Amino acid sequence: MKLKAPIMPCLWFDGQAEEAAKFYTSVFADSKVTNISYYPEAGQDKHGQAPGRVMTVVFELNGHQFMGLNGGPHFKFSEAISLCVMCENQEEIDYFWDALTADGGMEVECGWLKDKFGLSWQVMPANIAELIGGDPERSSRVMQVVMSSKKLNIAAMEAA
């Protein structure tokens, strides 16, 4: 038997969960912080955090729930996981690219970037599967455009 349960990604931060949640909710429409919890005295021997410090921040981005955890310096983000932003047009790609690379974020390549907290994002056209699927020759041309880009250009990809 299969059961249905919501899945909520948990993002590990080193003291920046609330700042990150506020940043992300400022970038995405229909987004909000829904809950903030604080470290209690109980369990301090395990978690090592000062009582009253922000422990978790639950937030929604476009109706998708995330949890930010202030877990300490033990783990860092890597490109092994990224969040994909599927954009309908170039204006959306430009907006999300600029917003997510602001204030210390960095452009990577092929539509990938890291935000100022080190979280990896892919900002891409919503029709990316159509553009790189199907005809192998067209797919190869589109992939050449993608591989030679940082921020993706829909017109260039469609022209390929």
N, C-alpha and C. Protein backbone atom coordinates (compact mmCIF):
# COMPACT_ATOMS: atom_id res chain seq x y z
N MET A 1 0.83 -1.18 0.00
CA MET A 1 0.00 0.00 0.00
C MET A 1 0.88 1.24 0.00
N LYS A 2 0.54 2.22 -0.85
CA LYS A 2 1.25 3.50 -0.89
C LYS A 2 0.43 4.52 -0.12
N LEU A 3 1.12 5.32 0.65
CA LEU A 3 0.47 6.38 1.40
C LEU A 3 0.87 7.73 0.83
N LYS A 4 0.00 8.68 0.97
CA LYS A 4 0.26 10.03 0.48
C LYS A 4 0.63 10.92 1.66
N ALA A 5 1.76 11.60 1.55
CA ALA A 5 2.20 12.54 2.58
C ALA A 5 2.95 13.68 1.90
N PRO A 6 2.80 14.89 2.39
CA PRO A 6 3.54 16.01 1.80
C PRO A 6 5.04 15.83 1.96
N ILE A 7 5.78 16.37 1.02
CA ILE A 7 7.24 16.36 1.08
C ILE A 7 7.69 17.81 1.21
N MET A 8 8.50 18.09 2.22
CA MET A 8 9.00 19.44 2.45
C MET A 8 10.52 19.40 2.49
N PRO A 9 11.19 19.99 1.49
CA PRO A 9 12.65 20.05 1.56
C PRO A 9 13.10 20.85 2.78
N CYS A 10 14.15 20.37 3.43
CA CYS A 10 14.74 21.06 4.57
C CYS A 10 16.12 21.55 4.15
N LEU A 11 16.33 22.83 4.25
CA LEU A 11 17.59 23.46 3.84
C LEU A 11 18.39 23.82 5.08
N TRP A 12 19.61 23.33 5.16
CA TRP A 12 20.47 23.49 6.34
C TRP A 12 21.27 24.79 6.22
N PHE A 13 21.11 25.67 7.20
CA PHE A 13 21.84 26.93 7.23
C PHE A 13 22.68 27.01 8.49
N ASP A 14 23.64 27.90 8.48
CA ASP A 14 24.47 28.17 9.64
C ASP A 14 24.08 29.53 10.21
N GLY A 15 22.87 29.59 10.81
CA GLY A 15 22.41 30.82 11.43
C GLY A 15 21.71 31.79 10.50
N GLN A 16 21.48 31.42 9.24
CA GLN A 16 20.90 32.34 8.27
C GLN A 16 19.51 31.92 7.79
N ALA A 17 18.87 30.97 8.44
CA ALA A 17 17.60 30.45 7.93
C ALA A 17 16.52 31.53 7.83
N GLU A 18 16.39 32.35 8.84
CA GLU A 18 15.36 33.39 8.80
C GLU A 18 15.67 34.43 7.73
N GLU A 19 16.91 34.86 7.63
CA GLU A 19 17.32 35.82 6.59
C GLU A 19 17.07 35.23 5.20
N ALA A 20 17.42 33.96 5.03
CA ALA A 20 17.22 33.31 3.72
C ALA A 20 15.74 33.22 3.38
N ALA A 21 14.92 32.81 4.34
CA ALA A 21 13.48 32.69 4.10
C ALA A 21 12.89 34.04 3.71
N LYS A 22 13.29 35.09 4.40
CA LYS A 22 12.79 36.44 4.07
C LYS A 22 13.26 36.86 2.68
N PHE A 23 14.48 36.51 2.33
CA PHE A 23 14.99 36.83 0.99
C PHE A 23 14.20 36.07 -0.08
N TYR A 24 14.07 34.77 0.08
CA TYR A 24 13.37 33.97 -0.93
C TYR A 24 11.91 34.41 -1.07
N THR A 25 11.24 34.71 0.04
CA THR A 25 9.84 35.14 -0.06
C THR A 25 9.72 36.53 -0.67
N SER A 26 10.79 37.31 -0.66
CA SER A 26 10.76 38.62 -1.33
C SER A 26 10.95 38.48 -2.84
N VAL A 27 11.54 37.38 -3.27
CA VAL A 27 11.82 37.16 -4.70
C VAL A 27 10.63 36.52 -5.41
N PHE A 28 9.97 35.56 -4.77
CA PHE A 28 8.91 34.79 -5.42
C PHE A 28 7.53 35.30 -5.01
N ALA A 29 6.64 35.43 -6.00
CA ALA A 29 5.26 35.84 -5.74
C ALA A 29 4.54 34.75 -4.94
N ASP A 30 3.45 35.14 -4.30
CA ASP A 30 2.63 34.20 -3.53
C ASP A 30 3.48 33.40 -2.55
N SER A 31 4.31 34.09 -1.81
CA SER A 31 5.24 33.44 -0.89
C SER A 31 5.17 34.11 0.47
N LYS A 32 5.45 33.31 1.51
CA LYS A 32 5.38 33.86 2.87
C LYS A 32 6.10 32.95 3.85
N VAL A 33 6.53 33.55 4.96
CA VAL A 33 7.03 32.79 6.09
C VAL A 33 5.80 32.37 6.89
N THR A 34 5.72 31.07 7.22
CA THR A 34 4.52 30.58 7.93
C THR A 34 4.78 30.18 9.37
N ASN A 35 6.04 29.94 9.75
CA ASN A 35 6.31 29.54 11.13
C ASN A 35 7.78 29.73 11.45
N ILE A 36 8.06 30.17 12.64
CA ILE A 36 9.43 30.25 13.14
C ILE A 36 9.45 29.57 14.49
N SER A 37 10.40 28.64 14.69
CA SER A 37 10.56 27.99 15.99
C SER A 37 11.95 28.33 16.52
N TYR A 38 12.10 28.18 17.83
CA TYR A 38 13.32 28.59 18.50
C TYR A 38 13.91 27.43 19.31
N TYR A 39 15.21 27.43 19.42
CA TYR A 39 15.87 26.38 20.20
C TYR A 39 15.49 26.50 21.67
N PRO A 40 15.11 25.38 22.29
CA PRO A 40 14.81 25.38 23.72
C PRO A 40 16.09 25.05 24.51
N GLU A 41 16.00 25.14 25.81
CA GLU A 41 17.12 24.69 26.65
C GLU A 41 17.27 23.18 26.56
N ALA A 42 16.14 22.48 26.46
CA ALA A 42 16.18 21.02 26.37
C ALA A 42 16.96 20.59 25.14
N GLY A 43 17.82 19.62 25.31
CA GLY A 43 18.59 19.07 24.20
C GLY A 43 19.83 19.87 23.84
N GLN A 44 20.15 20.88 24.62
CA GLN A 44 21.30 21.72 24.30
C GLN A 44 22.59 20.92 24.23
N ASP A 45 22.68 19.83 24.97
CA ASP A 45 23.87 18.97 24.91
C ASP A 45 24.00 18.32 23.54
N LYS A 46 22.89 18.19 22.81
CA LYS A 46 22.91 17.59 21.46
C LYS A 46 23.03 18.66 20.38
N HIS A 47 22.16 19.68 20.45
CA HIS A 47 22.13 20.67 19.36
C HIS A 47 23.15 21.79 19.54
N GLY A 48 23.57 22.05 20.76
CA GLY A 48 24.62 23.04 21.00
C GLY A 48 24.24 24.48 20.70
N GLN A 49 22.97 24.76 20.53
CA GLN A 49 22.53 26.11 20.17
C GLN A 49 22.02 26.84 21.41
N ALA A 50 22.18 28.14 21.43
CA ALA A 50 21.70 28.95 22.55
C ALA A 50 20.17 28.95 22.58
N PRO A 51 19.59 28.76 23.74
CA PRO A 51 18.12 28.83 23.84
C PRO A 51 17.62 30.18 23.33
N GLY A 52 16.53 30.14 22.57
CA GLY A 52 15.94 31.35 22.02
C GLY A 52 16.43 31.70 20.63
N ARG A 53 17.48 31.04 20.17
CA ARG A 53 17.98 31.27 18.81
C ARG A 53 17.03 30.60 17.82
N VAL A 54 16.85 31.20 16.65
CA VAL A 54 15.96 30.62 15.64
C VAL A 54 16.46 29.23 15.28
N MET A 55 15.56 28.24 15.38
CA MET A 55 15.88 26.86 15.02
C MET A 55 15.41 26.57 13.60
N THR A 56 14.10 26.74 13.34
CA THR A 56 13.57 26.47 12.01
C THR A 56 12.69 27.61 11.54
N VAL A 57 12.63 27.76 10.24
CA VAL A 57 11.74 28.71 9.59
C VAL A 57 11.03 27.95 8.48
N VAL A 58 9.72 27.87 8.57
CA VAL A 58 8.93 27.24 7.50
C VAL A 58 8.42 28.37 6.62
N PHE A 59 8.58 28.18 5.30
CA PHE A 59 8.15 29.22 4.37
C PHE A 59 7.61 28.57 3.10
N GLU A 60 6.80 29.34 2.40
CA GLU A 60 6.21 28.89 1.14
C GLU A 60 6.72 29.76 0.00
N LEU A 61 7.07 29.11 -1.09
CA LEU A 61 7.43 29.78 -2.33
C LEU A 61 6.47 29.27 -3.39
N ASN A 62 5.60 30.14 -3.89
CA ASN A 62 4.61 29.74 -4.90
C ASN A 62 3.84 28.49 -4.47
N GLY A 63 3.48 28.41 -3.21
CA GLY A 63 2.68 27.29 -2.71
C GLY A 63 3.48 26.06 -2.32
N HIS A 64 4.79 26.05 -2.53
CA HIS A 64 5.64 24.92 -2.13
C HIS A 64 6.27 25.23 -0.78
N GLN A 65 6.14 24.30 0.16
CA GLN A 65 6.71 24.51 1.49
C GLN A 65 8.16 24.08 1.56
N PHE A 66 8.93 24.86 2.32
CA PHE A 66 10.33 24.57 2.60
C PHE A 66 10.55 24.81 4.09
N MET A 67 11.56 24.16 4.62
CA MET A 67 11.98 24.44 5.98
C MET A 67 13.44 24.84 5.96
N GLY A 68 13.76 25.92 6.62
CA GLY A 68 15.14 26.31 6.82
C GLY A 68 15.52 25.94 8.24
N LEU A 69 16.62 25.25 8.42
CA LEU A 69 17.09 24.81 9.73
C LEU A 69 18.44 25.46 10.01
N ASN A 70 18.55 26.13 11.13
CA ASN A 70 19.83 26.65 11.58
C ASN A 70 20.55 25.53 12.32
N GLY A 71 21.22 24.68 11.56
CA GLY A 71 21.86 23.50 12.12
C GLY A 71 23.32 23.68 12.49
N GLY A 72 23.90 24.82 12.12
CA GLY A 72 25.31 25.05 12.44
C GLY A 72 26.20 24.87 11.22
N PRO A 73 27.51 24.92 11.44
CA PRO A 73 28.48 24.92 10.34
C PRO A 73 28.85 23.54 9.79
N HIS A 74 28.19 22.49 10.25
CA HIS A 74 28.60 21.12 9.93
C HIS A 74 28.42 20.73 8.47
N PHE A 75 27.38 21.25 7.81
CA PHE A 75 27.08 20.86 6.44
C PHE A 75 26.91 22.10 5.58
N LYS A 76 27.34 22.01 4.33
CA LYS A 76 27.24 23.12 3.36
C LYS A 76 26.43 22.65 2.16
N PHE A 77 25.84 23.61 1.47
CA PHE A 77 25.15 23.28 0.22
C PHE A 77 26.17 22.86 -0.82
N SER A 78 25.72 22.02 -1.75
CA SER A 78 26.55 21.68 -2.91
C SER A 78 25.65 21.62 -4.14
N GLU A 79 26.26 21.51 -5.29
CA GLU A 79 25.51 21.42 -6.54
C GLU A 79 24.82 20.07 -6.68
N ALA A 80 25.02 19.18 -5.74
CA ALA A 80 24.35 17.88 -5.81
C ALA A 80 22.83 18.02 -5.74
N ILE A 81 22.37 19.16 -5.24
CA ILE A 81 20.94 19.46 -5.25
C ILE A 81 20.77 20.92 -5.63
N SER A 82 19.76 21.18 -6.43
CA SER A 82 19.46 22.55 -6.83
C SER A 82 17.95 22.70 -6.94
N LEU A 83 17.52 23.94 -6.89
CA LEU A 83 16.10 24.24 -7.07
C LEU A 83 15.93 24.80 -8.48
N CYS A 84 14.97 24.28 -9.22
CA CYS A 84 14.74 24.69 -10.60
C CYS A 84 13.61 25.70 -10.65
N VAL A 85 13.85 26.81 -11.31
CA VAL A 85 12.83 27.82 -11.55
C VAL A 85 12.48 27.74 -13.03
N MET A 86 11.26 27.33 -13.30
CA MET A 86 10.81 27.12 -14.68
C MET A 86 10.13 28.40 -15.17
N CYS A 87 10.75 29.09 -16.11
CA CYS A 87 10.32 30.42 -16.54
C CYS A 87 9.60 30.37 -17.88
N GLU A 88 8.52 31.14 -17.98
CA GLU A 88 7.70 31.18 -19.19
C GLU A 88 8.31 32.04 -20.29
N ASN A 89 9.17 33.00 -19.94
CA ASN A 89 9.73 33.90 -20.95
C ASN A 89 11.07 34.46 -20.46
N GLN A 90 11.72 35.22 -21.34
CA GLN A 90 13.03 35.77 -21.01
C GLN A 90 12.95 36.78 -19.88
N GLU A 91 11.86 37.51 -19.81
CA GLU A 91 11.69 38.48 -18.73
C GLU A 91 11.75 37.78 -17.37
N GLU A 92 11.10 36.63 -17.25
CA GLU A 92 11.16 35.87 -15.99
C GLU A 92 12.57 35.35 -15.72
N ILE A 93 13.23 34.83 -16.76
CA ILE A 93 14.61 34.36 -16.57
C ILE A 93 15.47 35.51 -16.07
N ASP A 94 15.37 36.67 -16.70
CA ASP A 94 16.19 37.82 -16.30
C ASP A 94 15.88 38.23 -14.86
N TYR A 95 14.60 38.28 -14.51
CA TYR A 95 14.20 38.69 -13.16
C TYR A 95 14.77 37.74 -12.10
N PHE A 96 14.53 36.44 -12.26
CA PHE A 96 15.00 35.49 -11.25
C PHE A 96 16.52 35.41 -11.22
N TRP A 97 17.14 35.48 -12.38
CA TRP A 97 18.61 35.45 -12.44
C TRP A 97 19.19 36.62 -11.66
N ASP A 98 18.69 37.82 -11.95
CA ASP A 98 19.21 39.01 -11.28
C ASP A 98 18.92 38.98 -9.78
N ALA A 99 17.72 38.58 -9.40
CA ALA A 99 17.35 38.56 -7.99
C ALA A 99 18.17 37.54 -7.21
N LEU A 100 18.35 36.36 -7.76
CA LEU A 100 19.04 35.29 -7.04
C LEU A 100 20.56 35.44 -7.02
N THR A 101 21.12 36.21 -7.96
CA THR A 101 22.56 36.45 -7.93
C THR A 101 22.92 37.74 -7.20
N ALA A 102 21.93 38.50 -6.75
CA ALA A 102 22.17 39.79 -6.09
C ALA A 102 22.90 39.60 -4.76
N ASP A 103 23.60 40.63 -4.36
CA ASP A 103 24.20 40.73 -3.02
C ASP A 103 25.11 39.56 -2.66
N GLY A 104 25.92 39.12 -3.60
CA GLY A 104 26.89 38.08 -3.29
C GLY A 104 26.62 36.73 -3.91
N GLY A 105 25.50 36.60 -4.65
CA GLY A 105 25.29 35.37 -5.40
C GLY A 105 26.28 35.32 -6.55
N MET A 106 26.33 34.17 -7.23
CA MET A 106 27.28 34.10 -8.35
C MET A 106 26.72 33.28 -9.50
N GLU A 107 27.02 33.76 -10.69
CA GLU A 107 26.65 33.03 -11.90
C GLU A 107 27.57 31.82 -12.02
N VAL A 108 27.02 30.71 -12.44
CA VAL A 108 27.85 29.53 -12.64
C VAL A 108 27.90 29.30 -14.15
N GLU A 109 27.12 28.38 -14.67
CA GLU A 109 27.05 28.17 -16.11
C GLU A 109 25.84 27.32 -16.43
N CYS A 110 25.45 27.32 -17.70
CA CYS A 110 24.37 26.47 -18.20
C CYS A 110 23.04 26.72 -17.48
N GLY A 111 22.79 27.97 -17.08
CA GLY A 111 21.55 28.29 -16.38
C GLY A 111 21.60 28.07 -14.88
N TRP A 112 22.77 27.72 -14.36
CA TRP A 112 22.93 27.48 -12.93
C TRP A 112 23.53 28.71 -12.26
N LEU A 113 23.16 28.92 -11.01
CA LEU A 113 23.73 29.99 -10.20
C LEU A 113 23.72 29.56 -8.74
N LYS A 114 24.46 30.28 -7.94
CA LYS A 114 24.41 30.09 -6.49
C LYS A 114 23.96 31.41 -5.89
N ASP A 115 23.02 31.35 -4.96
CA ASP A 115 22.58 32.58 -4.31
C ASP A 115 23.57 32.95 -3.20
N LYS A 116 23.33 34.05 -2.54
CA LYS A 116 24.26 34.55 -1.52
C LYS A 116 24.39 33.63 -0.31
N PHE A 117 23.50 32.64 -0.19
CA PHE A 117 23.59 31.66 0.90
C PHE A 117 24.29 30.38 0.46
N GLY A 118 24.64 30.29 -0.83
CA GLY A 118 25.33 29.11 -1.35
C GLY A 118 24.41 28.06 -1.94
N LEU A 119 23.10 28.32 -1.96
CA LEU A 119 22.15 27.36 -2.52
C LEU A 119 22.16 27.45 -4.05
N SER A 120 22.21 26.31 -4.72
CA SER A 120 22.23 26.26 -6.18
C SER A 120 20.82 26.30 -6.76
N TRP A 121 20.68 27.05 -7.83
CA TRP A 121 19.42 27.20 -8.55
C TRP A 121 19.68 26.98 -10.04
N GLN A 122 18.68 26.48 -10.72
CA GLN A 122 18.68 26.42 -12.18
C GLN A 122 17.53 27.31 -12.65
N VAL A 123 17.85 28.32 -13.43
CA VAL A 123 16.83 29.23 -13.96
C VAL A 123 16.74 28.93 -15.44
N MET A 124 15.61 28.34 -15.85
CA MET A 124 15.53 27.81 -17.21
C MET A 124 14.14 28.00 -17.81
N PRO A 125 14.07 27.87 -19.13
CA PRO A 125 12.76 27.97 -19.78
C PRO A 125 11.87 26.80 -19.37
N ALA A 126 10.58 27.08 -19.21
CA ALA A 126 9.63 26.04 -18.85
C ALA A 126 9.58 24.94 -19.90
N ASN A 127 9.92 25.28 -21.15
CA ASN A 127 9.87 24.30 -22.24
C ASN A 127 11.25 23.67 -22.51
N ILE A 128 12.10 23.61 -21.50
CA ILE A 128 13.45 23.06 -21.69
C ILE A 128 13.42 21.62 -22.19
N ALA A 129 12.51 20.80 -21.69
CA ALA A 129 12.45 19.40 -22.12
C ALA A 129 12.12 19.32 -23.61
N GLU A 130 11.22 20.17 -24.06
CA GLU A 130 10.87 20.20 -25.49
C GLU A 130 12.06 20.67 -26.33
N LEU A 131 12.78 21.67 -25.83
CA LEU A 131 13.92 22.22 -26.58
C LEU A 131 15.07 21.23 -26.72
N ILE A 132 15.31 20.43 -25.69
CA ILE A 132 16.45 19.50 -25.76
C ILE A 132 16.03 18.07 -26.06
N GLY A 133 14.73 17.84 -26.19
CA GLY A 133 14.25 16.49 -26.49
C GLY A 133 13.94 16.33 -27.97
N GLY A 134 13.57 15.14 -28.35
CA GLY A 134 13.16 14.88 -29.73
C GLY A 134 14.33 14.75 -30.68
N ASP A 135 14.34 15.59 -31.70
CA ASP A 135 15.35 15.54 -32.76
C ASP A 135 16.77 15.67 -32.20
N PRO A 136 17.60 14.63 -32.39
CA PRO A 136 18.96 14.66 -31.84
C PRO A 136 19.82 15.81 -32.38
N GLU A 137 19.64 16.18 -33.64
CA GLU A 137 20.45 17.27 -34.20
C GLU A 137 20.07 18.60 -33.55
N ARG A 138 18.76 18.84 -33.41
CA ARG A 138 18.32 20.07 -32.75
C ARG A 138 18.77 20.07 -31.29
N SER A 139 18.62 18.94 -30.63
CA SER A 139 19.04 18.82 -29.24
C SER A 139 20.51 19.19 -29.09
N SER A 140 21.34 18.73 -30.01
CA SER A 140 22.76 19.02 -29.97
C SER A 140 23.01 20.53 -30.13
N ARG A 141 22.29 21.16 -31.05
CA ARG A 141 22.45 22.61 -31.26
C ARG A 141 22.00 23.39 -30.02
N VAL A 142 20.88 23.00 -29.45
CA VAL A 142 20.38 23.69 -28.25
C VAL A 142 21.38 23.50 -27.11
N MET A 143 21.88 22.30 -26.95
CA MET A 143 22.84 22.03 -25.87
C MET A 143 24.12 22.83 -26.05
N GLN A 144 24.53 23.09 -27.29
CA GLN A 144 25.70 23.93 -27.52
C GLN A 144 25.44 25.34 -27.00
N VAL A 145 24.23 25.85 -27.22
CA VAL A 145 23.87 27.17 -26.71
C VAL A 145 23.89 27.14 -25.18
N VAL A 146 23.26 26.13 -24.60
CA VAL A 146 23.19 26.02 -23.14
C VAL A 146 24.60 25.93 -22.55
N MET A 147 25.43 25.08 -23.09
CA MET A 147 26.76 24.84 -22.54
C MET A 147 27.69 26.04 -22.67
N SER A 148 27.39 26.95 -23.59
CA SER A 148 28.24 28.13 -23.77
C SER A 148 27.67 29.35 -23.05
N SER A 149 26.63 29.15 -22.24
CA SER A 149 25.96 30.26 -21.57
C SER A 149 26.14 30.19 -20.07
N LYS A 150 25.95 31.33 -19.45
CA LYS A 150 25.73 31.37 -18.00
C LYS A 150 24.22 31.49 -17.85
N LYS A 151 23.68 32.71 -18.02
CA LYS A 151 22.23 32.89 -18.00
C LYS A 151 21.69 32.43 -19.35
N LEU A 152 20.62 31.65 -19.34
CA LEU A 152 20.07 31.12 -20.58
C LEU A 152 19.28 32.18 -21.34
N ASN A 153 19.34 32.05 -22.68
CA ASN A 153 18.65 32.97 -23.57
C ASN A 153 17.66 32.12 -24.39
N ILE A 154 16.38 32.32 -24.13
CA ILE A 154 15.35 31.52 -24.78
C ILE A 154 15.39 31.68 -26.29
N ALA A 155 15.53 32.91 -26.78
CA ALA A 155 15.53 33.14 -28.23
C ALA A 155 16.67 32.38 -28.90
N ALA A 156 17.85 32.40 -28.28
CA ALA A 156 19.00 31.68 -28.85
C ALA A 156 18.77 30.19 -28.83
N MET A 157 18.16 29.70 -27.78
CA MET A 157 17.88 28.26 -27.68
C MET A 157 16.84 27.85 -28.73
N GLU A 158 15.80 28.65 -28.90
CA GLU A 158 14.76 28.33 -29.87
C GLU A 158 15.27 28.45 -31.31
N ALA A 159 16.21 29.39 -31.55
CA ALA A 159 16.77 29.56 -32.89
C ALA A 159 17.69 28.40 -33.28
N ALA A 160 18.24 27.76 -32.27
CA ALA A 160 19.16 26.64 -32.54
C ALA A 160 18.35 25.51 -33.13
